[in-house]
């Protein structure tokens, strides 16, 4: 079994402007995804808005570290959450990812990335 990260991207303003009913439907869809994934789901979380809570570390010209508030994205899409799943192949993980509501919403999407096994 291989591991895959499902990275959920979207427009934070669209997420934050959802009505209570829209938010409940979104959460129900994620609950259905988690139930369908079962033991293949290894972890996952919703992330706080990058504009409110992200910190980036970068090297400066002298090799030291600089801590920067942000990122301050030039696009409307930011990383809103992730799941780590185990699947037999890409087809299996795509079938699971299709259940996520962000796949069908016009303001968001899901990126699937294989996790490299160094062991």
PDB file of N, CA and C in Angstrom:
ATOM      1  N   UNK A   1       0.838  -1.182   0.000  1.00  0.00           N
ATOM      2  CA  UNK A   1       0.000   0.000   0.000  1.00  0.00           C
ATOM      3  C   UNK A   1       0.886   1.249   0.000  1.00  0.00           C
ATOM      4  N   UNK A   2       0.508   2.212  -0.799  1.00  0.00           N
ATOM      5  CA  UNK A   2       1.222   3.485  -0.875  1.00  0.00           C
ATOM      6  C   UNK A   2       0.458   4.537  -0.077  1.00  0.00           C
ATOM      7  N   UNK A   3       1.175   5.566   0.345  1.00  0.00           N
ATOM      8  CA  UNK A   3       0.555   6.686   1.046  1.00  0.00           C
ATOM      9  C   UNK A   3       0.438   7.859   0.086  1.00  0.00           C
ATOM     10  N   UNK A   4      -0.658   8.605   0.243  1.00  0.00           N
ATOM     11  CA  UNK A   4      -0.932   9.777  -0.585  1.00  0.00           C
ATOM     12  C   UNK A   4      -1.419  10.915   0.303  1.00  0.00           C
ATOM     13  N   UNK A   5      -0.963  12.121  -0.010  1.00  0.00           N
ATOM     14  CA  UNK A   5      -1.500  13.328   0.626  1.00  0.00           C
ATOM     15  C   UNK A   5      -2.564  13.898  -0.292  1.00  0.00           C
ATOM     16  N   UNK A   6      -3.709  14.191   0.262  1.00  0.00           N
ATOM     17  CA  UNK A   6      -4.760  14.916  -0.447  1.00  0.00           C
ATOM     18  C   UNK A   6      -4.719  16.335   0.100  1.00  0.00           C
ATOM     19  N   UNK A   7      -4.290  17.272  -0.719  1.00  0.00           N
ATOM     20  CA  UNK A   7      -4.156  18.667  -0.316  1.00  0.00           C
ATOM     21  C   UNK A   7      -5.372  19.427  -0.823  1.00  0.00           C
ATOM     22  N   UNK A   8      -6.120  20.019   0.080  1.00  0.00           N
ATOM     23  CA  UNK A   8      -7.369  20.696  -0.259  1.00  0.00           C
ATOM     24  C   UNK A   8      -7.107  22.191  -0.355  1.00  0.00           C
ATOM     25  N   UNK A   9      -7.241  22.716  -1.568  1.00  0.00           N
ATOM     26  CA  UNK A   9      -7.022  24.130  -1.836  1.00  0.00           C
ATOM     27  C   UNK A   9      -8.350  24.818  -2.115  1.00  0.00           C
ATOM     28  N   UNK A  10      -8.425  26.093  -1.790  1.00  0.00           N
ATOM     29  CA  UNK A  10      -9.633  26.837  -2.112  1.00  0.00           C
ATOM     30  C   UNK A  10      -9.516  28.295  -1.727  1.00  0.00           C
ATOM     31  N   UNK A  11     -10.584  28.988  -1.988  1.00  0.00           N
ATOM     32  CA  UNK A  11     -10.682  30.416  -1.705  1.00  0.00           C
ATOM     33  C   UNK A  11     -11.180  30.591  -0.272  1.00  0.00           C
ATOM     34  N   UNK A  12     -10.311  31.096   0.612  1.00  0.00           N
ATOM     35  CA  UNK A  12     -10.667  31.261   2.024  1.00  0.00           C
ATOM     36  C   UNK A  12     -11.887  32.152   2.196  1.00  0.00           C
ATOM     37  N   UNK A  13     -12.042  33.153   1.363  1.00  0.00           N
ATOM     38  CA  UNK A  13     -13.198  34.049   1.472  1.00  0.00           C
ATOM     39  C   UNK A  13     -14.494  33.283   1.194  1.00  0.00           C
ATOM     40  N   UNK A  14     -14.457  32.398   0.193  1.00  0.00           N
ATOM     41  CA  UNK A  14     -15.647  31.582  -0.110  1.00  0.00           C
ATOM     42  C   UNK A  14     -15.962  30.652   1.052  1.00  0.00           C
ATOM     43  N   UNK A  15     -14.934  30.028   1.645  1.00  0.00           N
ATOM     44  CA  UNK A  15     -15.169  29.145   2.787  1.00  0.00           C
ATOM     45  C   UNK A  15     -15.733  29.929   3.971  1.00  0.00           C
ATOM     46  N   UNK A  16     -15.155  31.093   4.249  1.00  0.00           N
ATOM     47  CA  UNK A  16     -15.572  31.881   5.403  1.00  0.00           C
ATOM     48  C   UNK A  16     -16.960  32.490   5.240  1.00  0.00           C
ATOM     49  N   UNK A  17     -17.417  32.647   3.994  1.00  0.00           N
ATOM     50  CA  UNK A  17     -18.730  33.261   3.768  1.00  0.00           C
ATOM     51  C   UNK A  17     -19.849  32.231   3.651  1.00  0.00           C
ATOM     52  N   UNK A  18     -19.556  30.965   3.901  1.00  0.00           N
ATOM     53  CA  UNK A  18     -20.597  29.931   3.830  1.00  0.00           C
ATOM     54  C   UNK A  18     -21.647  30.152   4.911  1.00  0.00           C
ATOM     55  N   UNK A  19     -22.880  29.834   4.554  1.00  0.00           N
ATOM     56  CA  UNK A  19     -23.952  29.862   5.549  1.00  0.00           C
ATOM     57  C   UNK A  19     -23.795  28.655   6.471  1.00  0.00           C
ATOM     58  N   UNK A  20     -24.533  28.656   7.556  1.00  0.00           N
ATOM     59  CA  UNK A  20     -24.487  27.519   8.484  1.00  0.00           C
ATOM     60  C   UNK A  20     -24.907  26.232   7.779  1.00  0.00           C
ATOM     61  N   UNK A  21     -25.902  26.312   6.914  1.00  0.00           N
ATOM     62  CA  UNK A  21     -26.371  25.126   6.183  1.00  0.00           C
ATOM     63  C   UNK A  21     -25.312  24.637   5.195  1.00  0.00           C
ATOM     64  N   UNK A  22     -24.649  25.562   4.516  1.00  0.00           N
ATOM     65  CA  UNK A  22     -23.584  25.179   3.586  1.00  0.00           C
ATOM     66  C   UNK A  22     -22.416  24.545   4.335  1.00  0.00           C
ATOM     67  N   UNK A  23     -22.074  25.085   5.490  1.00  0.00           N
ATOM     68  CA  UNK A  23     -20.988  24.554   6.307  1.00  0.00           C
ATOM     69  C   UNK A  23     -21.353  23.151   6.811  1.00  0.00           C
ATOM     70  N   UNK A  24     -22.602  22.972   7.227  1.00  0.00           N
ATOM     71  CA  UNK A  24     -23.053  21.654   7.696  1.00  0.00           C
ATOM     72  C   UNK A  24     -22.983  20.624   6.568  1.00  0.00           C
ATOM     73  N   UNK A  25     -23.370  21.021   5.357  1.00  0.00           N
ATOM     74  CA  UNK A  25     -23.300  20.111   4.206  1.00  0.00           C
ATOM     75  C   UNK A  25     -21.855  19.757   3.887  1.00  0.00           C
ATOM     76  N   UNK A  26     -20.965  20.733   3.976  1.00  0.00           N
ATOM     77  CA  UNK A  26     -19.543  20.499   3.740  1.00  0.00           C
ATOM     78  C   UNK A  26     -18.996  19.506   4.766  1.00  0.00           C
ATOM     79  N   UNK A  27     -19.320  19.730   6.025  1.00  0.00           N
ATOM     80  CA  UNK A  27     -18.838  18.846   7.088  1.00  0.00           C
ATOM     81  C   UNK A  27     -19.416  17.443   6.956  1.00  0.00           C
ATOM     82  N   UNK A  28     -20.677  17.329   6.524  1.00  0.00           N
ATOM     83  CA  UNK A  28     -21.290  16.011   6.305  1.00  0.00           C
ATOM     84  C   UNK A  28     -20.585  15.267   5.173  1.00  0.00           C
ATOM     85  N   UNK A  29     -20.213  15.984   4.127  1.00  0.00           N
ATOM     86  CA  UNK A  29     -19.481  15.358   3.021  1.00  0.00           C
ATOM     87  C   UNK A  29     -18.124  14.842   3.483  1.00  0.00           C
ATOM     88  N   UNK A  30     -17.455  15.610   4.326  1.00  0.00           N
ATOM     89  CA  UNK A  30     -16.164  15.159   4.848  1.00  0.00           C
ATOM     90  C   UNK A  30     -16.342  13.959   5.781  1.00  0.00           C
ATOM     91  N   UNK A  31     -17.419  13.934   6.552  1.00  0.00           N
ATOM     92  CA  UNK A  31     -17.695  12.780   7.410  1.00  0.00           C
ATOM     93  C   UNK A  31     -17.936  11.536   6.562  1.00  0.00           C
ATOM     94  N   UNK A  32     -18.641  11.689   5.451  1.00  0.00           N
ATOM     95  CA  UNK A  32     -18.872  10.564   4.536  1.00  0.00           C
ATOM     96  C   UNK A  32     -17.559  10.077   3.936  1.00  0.00           C
ATOM     97  N   UNK A  33     -16.699  11.014   3.554  1.00  0.00           N
ATOM     98  CA  UNK A  33     -15.377  10.656   3.024  1.00  0.00           C
ATOM     99  C   UNK A  33     -14.598   9.857   4.065  1.00  0.00           C
ATOM    100  N   UNK A  34     -14.569  10.347   5.307  1.00  0.00           N
ATOM    101  CA  UNK A  34     -13.807   9.661   6.357  1.00  0.00           C
ATOM    102  C   UNK A  34     -14.361   8.262   6.618  1.00  0.00           C
ATOM    103  N   UNK A  35     -15.679   8.127   6.584  1.00  0.00           N
ATOM    104  CA  UNK A  35     -16.295   6.806   6.786  1.00  0.00           C
ATOM    105  C   UNK A  35     -15.933   5.863   5.648  1.00  0.00           C
ATOM    106  N   UNK A  36     -15.970   6.359   4.417  1.00  0.00           N
ATOM    107  CA  UNK A  36     -15.639   5.514   3.262  1.00  0.00           C
ATOM    108  C   UNK A  36     -14.167   5.129   3.264  1.00  0.00           C
ATOM    109  N   UNK A  37     -13.308   6.025   3.698  1.00  0.00           N
ATOM    110  CA  UNK A  37     -11.874   5.734   3.726  1.00  0.00           C
ATOM    111  C   UNK A  37     -11.544   4.719   4.813  1.00  0.00           C
ATOM    112  N   UNK A  38     -12.274   4.761   5.912  1.00  0.00           N
ATOM    113  CA  UNK A  38     -12.061   3.796   6.995  1.00  0.00           C
ATOM    114  C   UNK A  38     -10.620   3.767   7.463  1.00  0.00           C
ATOM    115  N   UNK A  39     -10.075   2.565   7.557  1.00  0.00           N
ATOM    116  CA  UNK A  39      -8.713   2.403   8.074  1.00  0.00           C
ATOM    117  C   UNK A  39      -7.641   2.902   7.100  1.00  0.00           C
ATOM    118  N   UNK A  40      -8.043   3.212   5.866  1.00  0.00           N
ATOM    119  CA  UNK A  40      -7.075   3.780   4.908  1.00  0.00           C
ATOM    120  C   UNK A  40      -6.742   5.228   5.237  1.00  0.00           C
ATOM    121  N   UNK A  41      -7.596   5.876   6.027  1.00  0.00           N
ATOM    122  CA  UNK A  41      -7.362   7.260   6.435  1.00  0.00           C
ATOM    123  C   UNK A  41      -6.373   7.265   7.604  1.00  0.00           C
ATOM    124  N   UNK A  42      -5.210   7.822   7.389  1.00  0.00           N
ATOM    125  CA  UNK A  42      -4.153   7.832   8.395  1.00  0.00           C
ATOM    126  C   UNK A  42      -4.121   9.131   9.189  1.00  0.00           C
ATOM    127  N   UNK A  43      -4.756  10.175   8.678  1.00  0.00           N
ATOM    128  CA  UNK A  43      -4.778  11.449   9.377  1.00  0.00           C
ATOM    129  C   UNK A  43      -5.322  12.542   8.484  1.00  0.00           C
ATOM    130  N   UNK A  44      -5.558  13.686   9.071  1.00  0.00           N
ATOM    131  CA  UNK A  44      -6.028  14.827   8.313  1.00  0.00           C
ATOM    132  C   UNK A  44      -6.562  15.899   9.231  1.00  0.00           C
ATOM    133  N   UNK A  45      -6.510  17.121   8.758  1.00  0.00           N
ATOM    134  CA  UNK A  45      -6.974  18.256   9.557  1.00  0.00           C
ATOM    135  C   UNK A  45      -7.379  19.405   8.651  1.00  0.00           C
ATOM    136  N   UNK A  46      -8.283  20.237   9.146  1.00  0.00           N
ATOM    137  CA  UNK A  46      -8.561  21.528   8.522  1.00  0.00           C
ATOM    138  C   UNK A  46      -7.520  22.494   9.061  1.00  0.00           C
ATOM    139  N   UNK A  47      -7.016  23.364   8.208  1.00  0.00           N
ATOM    140  CA  UNK A  47      -6.014  24.334   8.619  1.00  0.00           C
ATOM    141  C   UNK A  47      -6.642  25.704   8.825  1.00  0.00           C
ATOM    142  N   UNK A  48      -6.108  26.453   9.772  1.00  0.00           N
ATOM    143  CA  UNK A  48      -6.537  27.835   9.967  1.00  0.00           C
ATOM    144  C   UNK A  48      -6.133  28.634   8.738  1.00  0.00           C
ATOM    145  N   UNK A  49      -6.816  29.723   8.499  1.00  0.00           N
ATOM    146  CA  UNK A  49      -6.541  30.575   7.355  1.00  0.00           C
ATOM    147  C   UNK A  49      -5.084  31.038   7.365  1.00  0.00           C
ATOM    148  N   UNK A  50      -4.406  30.919   6.224  1.00  0.00           N
ATOM    149  CA  UNK A  50      -2.994  31.322   6.120  1.00  0.00           C
ATOM    150  C   UNK A  50      -2.812  32.802   6.423  1.00  0.00           C
ATOM    151  N   UNK A  51      -3.796  33.614   6.085  1.00  0.00           N
ATOM    152  CA  UNK A  51      -3.657  35.052   6.320  1.00  0.00           C
ATOM    153  C   UNK A  51      -3.689  35.391   7.808  1.00  0.00           C
ATOM    154  N   UNK A  52      -4.199  34.474   8.619  1.00  0.00           N
ATOM    155  CA  UNK A  52      -4.327  34.737  10.046  1.00  0.00           C
ATOM    156  C   UNK A  52      -3.240  34.072  10.883  1.00  0.00           C
ATOM    157  N   UNK A  53      -2.652  32.974  10.375  1.00  0.00           N
ATOM    158  CA  UNK A  53      -1.849  32.189  11.298  1.00  0.00           C
ATOM    159  C   UNK A  53      -0.600  31.545  10.713  1.00  0.00           C
ATOM    160  N   UNK A  54      -0.276  31.775   9.471  1.00  0.00           N
ATOM    161  CA  UNK A  54       0.876  31.092   8.879  1.00  0.00           C
ATOM    162  C   UNK A  54       2.172  31.828   9.189  1.00  0.00           C
ATOM    163  N   UNK A  55       3.229  31.066   9.338  1.00  0.00           N
ATOM    164  CA  UNK A  55       4.574  31.590   9.530  1.00  0.00           C
ATOM    165  C   UNK A  55       5.491  30.836   8.585  1.00  0.00           C
ATOM    166  N   UNK A  56       6.362  31.544   7.898  1.00  0.00           N
ATOM    167  CA  UNK A  56       7.303  30.942   6.961  1.00  0.00           C
ATOM    168  C   UNK A  56       8.718  31.188   7.453  1.00  0.00           C
ATOM    169  N   UNK A  57       9.551  30.163   7.409  1.00  0.00           N
ATOM    170  CA  UNK A  57      10.973  30.300   7.717  1.00  0.00           C
ATOM    171  C   UNK A  57      11.751  30.228   6.419  1.00  0.00           C
ATOM    172  N   UNK A  58      12.681  31.161   6.236  1.00  0.00           N
ATOM    173  CA  UNK A  58      13.536  31.197   5.042  1.00  0.00           C
ATOM    174  C   UNK A  58      14.960  31.552   5.471  1.00  0.00           C
ATOM    175  N   UNK A  59      15.910  31.141   4.651  1.00  0.00           N
ATOM    176  CA  UNK A  59      17.299  31.514   4.900  1.00  0.00           C
ATOM    177  C   UNK A  59      17.523  32.937   4.409  1.00  0.00           C
ATOM    178  N   UNK A  60      18.301  33.696   5.167  1.00  0.00           N
ATOM    179  CA  UNK A  60      18.672  35.029   4.689  1.00  0.00           C
ATOM    180  C   UNK A  60      20.010  34.939   3.947  1.00  0.00           C
ATOM    181  N   UNK A  61      20.516  36.049   3.463  1.00  0.00           N
ATOM    182  CA  UNK A  61      21.739  36.071   2.661  1.00  0.00           C
ATOM    183  C   UNK A  61      22.960  35.586   3.438  1.00  0.00           C
ATOM    184  N   UNK A  62      22.919  35.686   4.765  1.00  0.00           N
ATOM    185  CA  UNK A  62      24.053  35.277   5.591  1.00  0.00           C
ATOM    186  C   UNK A  62      23.933  33.842   6.101  1.00  0.00           C
ATOM    187  N   UNK A  63      22.892  33.121   5.658  1.00  0.00           N
ATOM    188  CA  UNK A  63      22.696  31.740   6.088  1.00  0.00           C
ATOM    189  C   UNK A  63      21.912  31.603   7.370  1.00  0.00           C
ATOM    190  N   UNK A  64      21.474  32.717   7.917  1.00  0.00           N
ATOM    191  CA  UNK A  64      20.628  32.685   9.107  1.00  0.00           C
ATOM    192  C   UNK A  64      19.176  32.434   8.711  1.00  0.00           C
ATOM    193  N   UNK A  65      18.317  32.389   9.677  1.00  0.00           N
ATOM    194  CA  UNK A  65      16.895  32.180   9.415  1.00  0.00           C
ATOM    195  C   UNK A  65      16.111  33.461   9.643  1.00  0.00           C
ATOM    196  N   UNK A  66      15.156  33.678   8.776  1.00  0.00           N
ATOM    197  CA  UNK A  66      14.241  34.805   8.896  1.00  0.00           C
ATOM    198  C   UNK A  66      12.840  34.233   9.044  1.00  0.00           C
ATOM    199  N   UNK A  67      12.107  34.724  10.033  1.00  0.00           N
ATOM    200  CA  UNK A  67      10.728  34.306  10.239  1.00  0.00           C
ATOM    201  C   UNK A  67       9.815  35.376   9.656  1.00  0.00           C
ATOM    202  N   UNK A  68       8.893  34.936   8.778  1.00  0.00           N
ATOM    203  CA  UNK A  68       8.013  35.860   8.075  1.00  0.00           C
ATOM    204  C   UNK A  68       6.570  35.468   8.358  1.00  0.00           C
ATOM    205  N   UNK A  69       5.734  36.460   8.684  1.00  0.00           N
ATOM    206  CA  UNK A  69       4.292  36.194   8.770  1.00  0.00           C
ATOM    207  C   UNK A  69       3.791  35.938   7.363  1.00  0.00           C
ATOM    208  N   UNK A  70       2.941  34.980   7.209  1.00  0.00           N
ATOM    209  CA  UNK A  70       2.412  34.679   5.882  1.00  0.00           C
ATOM    210  C   UNK A  70       2.606  33.219   5.581  1.00  0.00           C
ATOM    211  N   UNK A  71       2.349  32.729   4.434  1.00  0.00           N
ATOM    212  CA  UNK A  71       2.591  33.394   3.152  1.00  0.00           C
ATOM    213  C   UNK A  71       1.457  34.345   2.782  1.00  0.00           C
ATOM    214  N   UNK A  72       1.822  35.312   2.000  1.00  0.00           N
ATOM    215  CA  UNK A  72       0.824  36.197   1.427  1.00  0.00           C
ATOM    216  C   UNK A  72       0.724  35.830  -0.034  1.00  0.00           C
ATOM    217  N   UNK A  73      -0.277  35.018  -0.315  1.00  0.00           N
ATOM    218  CA  UNK A  73      -0.439  34.431  -1.643  1.00  0.00           C
ATOM    219  C   UNK A  73      -0.878  35.465  -2.652  1.00  0.00           C
ATOM    220  N   UNK A  74      -0.410  35.293  -3.870  1.00  0.00           N
ATOM    221  CA  UNK A  74      -0.840  36.178  -4.945  1.00  0.00           C
ATOM    222  C   UNK A  74      -2.067  35.631  -5.647  1.00  0.00           C
ATOM    223  N   UNK A  75      -2.472  34.435  -5.273  1.00  0.00           N
ATOM    224  CA  UNK A  75      -3.683  33.852  -5.829  1.00  0.00           C
ATOM    225  C   UNK A  75      -4.732  33.800  -4.732  1.00  0.00           C
ATOM    226  N   UNK A  76      -5.959  33.534  -5.116  1.00  0.00           N
ATOM    227  CA  UNK A  76      -7.017  33.429  -4.129  1.00  0.00           C
ATOM    228  C   UNK A  76      -7.007  32.072  -3.437  1.00  0.00           C
ATOM    229  N   UNK A  77      -6.395  31.064  -4.058  1.00  0.00           N
ATOM    230  CA  UNK A  77      -6.423  29.728  -3.483  1.00  0.00           C
ATOM    231  C   UNK A  77      -5.314  29.528  -2.460  1.00  0.00           C
ATOM    232  N   UNK A  78      -5.687  29.017  -1.311  1.00  0.00           N
ATOM    233  CA  UNK A  78      -4.725  28.676  -0.280  1.00  0.00           C
ATOM    234  C   UNK A  78      -4.994  27.268   0.212  1.00  0.00           C
ATOM    235  N   UNK A  79      -4.043  26.700   0.923  1.00  0.00           N
ATOM    236  CA  UNK A  79      -4.191  25.366   1.474  1.00  0.00           C
ATOM    237  C   UNK A  79      -5.117  25.429   2.674  1.00  0.00           C
ATOM    238  N   UNK A  80      -6.224  24.707   2.597  1.00  0.00           N
ATOM    239  CA  UNK A  80      -7.224  24.752   3.663  1.00  0.00           C
ATOM    240  C   UNK A  80      -7.265  23.511   4.524  1.00  0.00           C
ATOM    241  N   UNK A  81      -6.647  22.428   4.054  1.00  0.00           N
ATOM    242  CA  UNK A  81      -6.660  21.199   4.835  1.00  0.00           C
ATOM    243  C   UNK A  81      -5.980  20.080   4.081  1.00  0.00           C
ATOM    244  N   UNK A  82      -5.910  18.931   4.734  1.00  0.00           N
ATOM    245  CA  UNK A  82      -5.249  17.789   4.119  1.00  0.00           C
ATOM    246  C   UNK A  82      -5.767  16.497   4.711  1.00  0.00           C
ATOM    247  N   UNK A  83      -5.588  15.440   3.970  1.00  0.00           N
ATOM    248  CA  UNK A  83      -5.781  14.079   4.456  1.00  0.00           C
ATOM    249  C   UNK A  83      -4.569  13.268   4.040  1.00  0.00           C
ATOM    250  N   UNK A  84      -4.159  12.338   4.876  1.00  0.00           N
ATOM    251  CA  UNK A  84      -3.147  11.357   4.527  1.00  0.00           C
ATOM    252  C   UNK A  84      -3.862  10.018   4.446  1.00  0.00           C
ATOM    253  N   UNK A  85      -3.815   9.392   3.275  1.00  0.00           N
ATOM    254  CA  UNK A  85      -4.511   8.118   3.076  1.00  0.00           C
ATOM    255  C   UNK A  85      -3.544   7.075   2.548  1.00  0.00           C
ATOM    256  N   UNK A  86      -3.931   5.832   2.744  1.00  0.00           N
ATOM    257  CA  UNK A  86      -3.193   4.698   2.214  1.00  0.00           C
ATOM    258  C   UNK A  86      -4.080   4.046   1.166  1.00  0.00           C
ATOM    259  N   UNK A  87      -3.509   3.720   0.025  1.00  0.00           N
ATOM    260  CA  UNK A  87      -4.292   3.118  -1.053  1.00  0.00           C
ATOM    261  C   UNK A  87      -3.409   2.185  -1.871  1.00  0.00           C
ATOM    262  N   UNK A  88      -4.051   1.243  -2.527  1.00  0.00           N
ATOM    263  CA  UNK A  88      -3.330   0.292  -3.344  1.00  0.00           C
ATOM    264  C   UNK A  88      -2.714   0.911  -4.577  1.00  0.00           C
ATOM    265  N   UNK A  89      -3.372   1.937  -5.124  1.00  0.00           N
ATOM    266  CA  UNK A  89      -2.863   2.610  -6.320  1.00  0.00           C
ATOM    267  C   UNK A  89      -3.562   3.950  -6.484  1.00  0.00           C
ATOM    268  N   UNK A  90      -3.150   4.688  -7.492  1.00  0.00           N
ATOM    269  CA  UNK A  90      -3.714   6.024  -7.727  1.00  0.00           C
ATOM    270  C   UNK A  90      -5.207   5.954  -8.021  1.00  0.00           C
ATOM    271  N   UNK A  91      -5.647   4.947  -8.755  1.00  0.00           N
ATOM    272  CA  UNK A  91      -7.078   4.822  -9.056  1.00  0.00           C
ATOM    273  C   UNK A  91      -7.910   4.735  -7.778  1.00  0.00           C
ATOM    274  N   UNK A  92      -7.417   3.999  -6.797  1.00  0.00           N
ATOM    275  CA  UNK A  92      -8.145   3.859  -5.535  1.00  0.00           C
ATOM    276  C   UNK A  92      -8.229   5.188  -4.795  1.00  0.00           C
ATOM    277  N   UNK A  93      -7.125   5.932  -4.748  1.00  0.00           N
ATOM    278  CA  UNK A  93      -7.139   7.200  -4.028  1.00  0.00           C
ATOM    279  C   UNK A  93      -7.968   8.239  -4.783  1.00  0.00           C
ATOM    280  N   UNK A  94      -7.966   8.205  -6.116  1.00  0.00           N
ATOM    281  CA  UNK A  94      -8.815   9.119  -6.895  1.00  0.00           C
ATOM    282  C   UNK A  94     -10.289   8.825  -6.614  1.00  0.00           C
ATOM    283  N   UNK A  95     -10.650   7.554  -6.537  1.00  0.00           N
ATOM    284  CA  UNK A  95     -12.037   7.200  -6.226  1.00  0.00           C
ATOM    285  C   UNK A  95     -12.459   7.757  -4.869  1.00  0.00           C
ATOM    286  N   UNK A  96     -11.563   7.716  -3.898  1.00  0.00           N
ATOM    287  CA  UNK A  96     -11.860   8.303  -2.590  1.00  0.00           C
ATOM    288  C   UNK A  96     -11.938   9.826  -2.676  1.00  0.00           C
ATOM    289  N   UNK A  97     -10.954  10.441  -3.324  1.00  0.00           N
ATOM    290  CA  UNK A  97     -10.889  11.903  -3.398  1.00  0.00           C
ATOM    291  C   UNK A  97     -12.100  12.499  -4.106  1.00  0.00           C
ATOM    292  N   UNK A  98     -12.697  11.758  -5.023  1.00  0.00           N
ATOM    293  CA  UNK A  98     -13.894  12.249  -5.719  1.00  0.00           C
ATOM    294  C   UNK A  98     -15.040  12.536  -4.761  1.00  0.00           C
ATOM    295  N   UNK A  99     -15.001  11.940  -3.591  1.00  0.00           N
ATOM    296  CA  UNK A  99     -16.053  12.153  -2.594  1.00  0.00           C
ATOM    297  C   UNK A  99     -15.950  13.517  -1.913  1.00  0.00           C
ATOM    298  N   UNK A 100     -14.791  14.142  -1.986  1.00  0.00           N
ATOM    299  CA  UNK A 100     -14.600  15.419  -1.296  1.00  0.00           C
ATOM    300  C   UNK A 100     -15.356  16.526  -2.020  1.00  0.00           C
ATOM    301  N   UNK A 101     -16.097  17.352  -1.291  1.00  0.00           N
ATOM    302  CA  UNK A 101     -16.897  18.402  -1.935  1.00  0.00           C
ATOM    303  C   UNK A 101     -16.061  19.454  -2.647  1.00  0.00           C
ATOM    304  N   UNK A 102     -14.824  19.633  -2.223  1.00  0.00           N
ATOM    305  CA  UNK A 102     -13.961  20.638  -2.851  1.00  0.00           C
ATOM    306  C   UNK A 102     -13.605  20.292  -4.286  1.00  0.00           C
ATOM    307  N   UNK A 103     -13.765  19.031  -4.663  1.00  0.00           N
ATOM    308  CA  UNK A 103     -13.494  18.617  -6.044  1.00  0.00           C
ATOM    309  C   UNK A 103     -14.513  19.243  -6.994  1.00  0.00           C
ATOM    310  N   UNK A 104     -15.744  19.407  -6.524  1.00  0.00           N
ATOM    311  CA  UNK A 104     -16.827  19.912  -7.379  1.00  0.00           C
ATOM    312  C   UNK A 104     -17.113  21.396  -7.213  1.00  0.00           C
ATOM    313  N   UNK A 105     -16.597  22.014  -6.173  1.00  0.00           N
ATOM    314  CA  UNK A 105     -16.859  23.439  -5.945  1.00  0.00           C
ATOM    315  C   UNK A 105     -16.007  24.276  -6.902  1.00  0.00           C
ATOM    316  N   UNK A 106     -16.559  25.342  -7.403  1.00  0.00           N
ATOM    317  CA  UNK A 106     -15.850  26.179  -8.362  1.00  0.00           C
ATOM    318  C   UNK A 106     -14.664  26.939  -7.786  1.00  0.00           C
ATOM    319  N   UNK A 107     -14.611  27.078  -6.469  1.00  0.00           N
ATOM    320  CA  UNK A 107     -13.560  27.880  -5.839  1.00  0.00           C
ATOM    321  C   UNK A 107     -12.465  27.040  -5.196  1.00  0.00           C
ATOM    322  N   UNK A 108     -12.465  25.725  -5.441  1.00  0.00           N
ATOM    323  CA  UNK A 108     -11.501  24.885  -4.738  1.00  0.00           C
ATOM    324  C   UNK A 108     -11.105  23.675  -5.563  1.00  0.00           C
ATOM    325  N   UNK A 109     -10.197  22.880  -5.038  1.00  0.00           N
ATOM    326  CA  UNK A 109      -9.757  21.671  -5.707  1.00  0.00           C
ATOM    327  C   UNK A 109      -8.941  20.821  -4.753  1.00  0.00           C
ATOM    328  N   UNK A 110      -8.629  19.606  -5.189  1.00  0.00           N
ATOM    329  CA  UNK A 110      -7.862  18.670  -4.380  1.00  0.00           C
ATOM    330  C   UNK A 110      -6.661  18.199  -5.191  1.00  0.00           C
ATOM    331  N   UNK A 111      -5.474  18.365  -4.625  1.00  0.00           N
ATOM    332  CA  UNK A 111      -4.242  17.884  -5.254  1.00  0.00           C
ATOM    333  C   UNK A 111      -3.855  16.577  -4.576  1.00  0.00           C
ATOM    334  N   UNK A 112      -3.540  15.568  -5.354  1.00  0.00           N
ATOM    335  CA  UNK A 112      -3.126  14.263  -4.847  1.00  0.00           C
ATOM    336  C   UNK A 112      -1.630  14.116  -5.073  1.00  0.00           C
ATOM    337  N   UNK A 113      -0.898  13.872  -3.977  1.00  0.00           N
ATOM    338  CA  UNK A 113       0.552  13.736  -4.072  1.00  0.00           C
ATOM    339  C   UNK A 113       0.985  12.432  -3.414  1.00  0.00           C
ATOM    340  N   UNK A 114       1.735  11.582  -4.126  1.00  0.00           N
ATOM    341  CA  UNK A 114       2.278  10.387  -3.495  1.00  0.00           C
ATOM    342  C   UNK A 114       3.315  10.773  -2.440  1.00  0.00           C
ATOM    343  N   UNK A 115       3.353  10.026  -1.358  1.00  0.00           N
ATOM    344  CA  UNK A 115       4.342  10.227  -0.310  1.00  0.00           C
ATOM    345  C   UNK A 115       5.510   9.291  -0.591  1.00  0.00           C
ATOM    346  N   UNK A 116       6.715   9.823  -0.544  1.00  0.00           N
ATOM    347  CA  UNK A 116       7.911   9.036  -0.810  1.00  0.00           C
ATOM    348  C   UNK A 116       8.237   8.192   0.416  1.00  0.00           C
ATOM    349  N   UNK A 117       8.422   6.904   0.214  1.00  0.00           N
ATOM    350  CA  UNK A 117       8.781   5.981   1.284  1.00  0.00           C
ATOM    351  C   UNK A 117      10.300   5.830   1.316  1.00  0.00           C
ATOM    352  N   UNK A 118      10.925   6.346   2.360  1.00  0.00           N
ATOM    353  CA  UNK A 118      12.383   6.257   2.479  1.00  0.00           C
ATOM    354  C   UNK A 118      12.815   5.038   3.307  1.00  0.00           C
ATOM    355  N   UNK A 119      11.843   4.224   3.709  1.00  0.00           N
ATOM    356  CA  UNK A 119      12.178   3.092   4.561  1.00  0.00           C
ATOM    357  C   UNK A 119      12.243   1.873   3.781  1.00  0.00           C
TER     358      UNK A 119
END
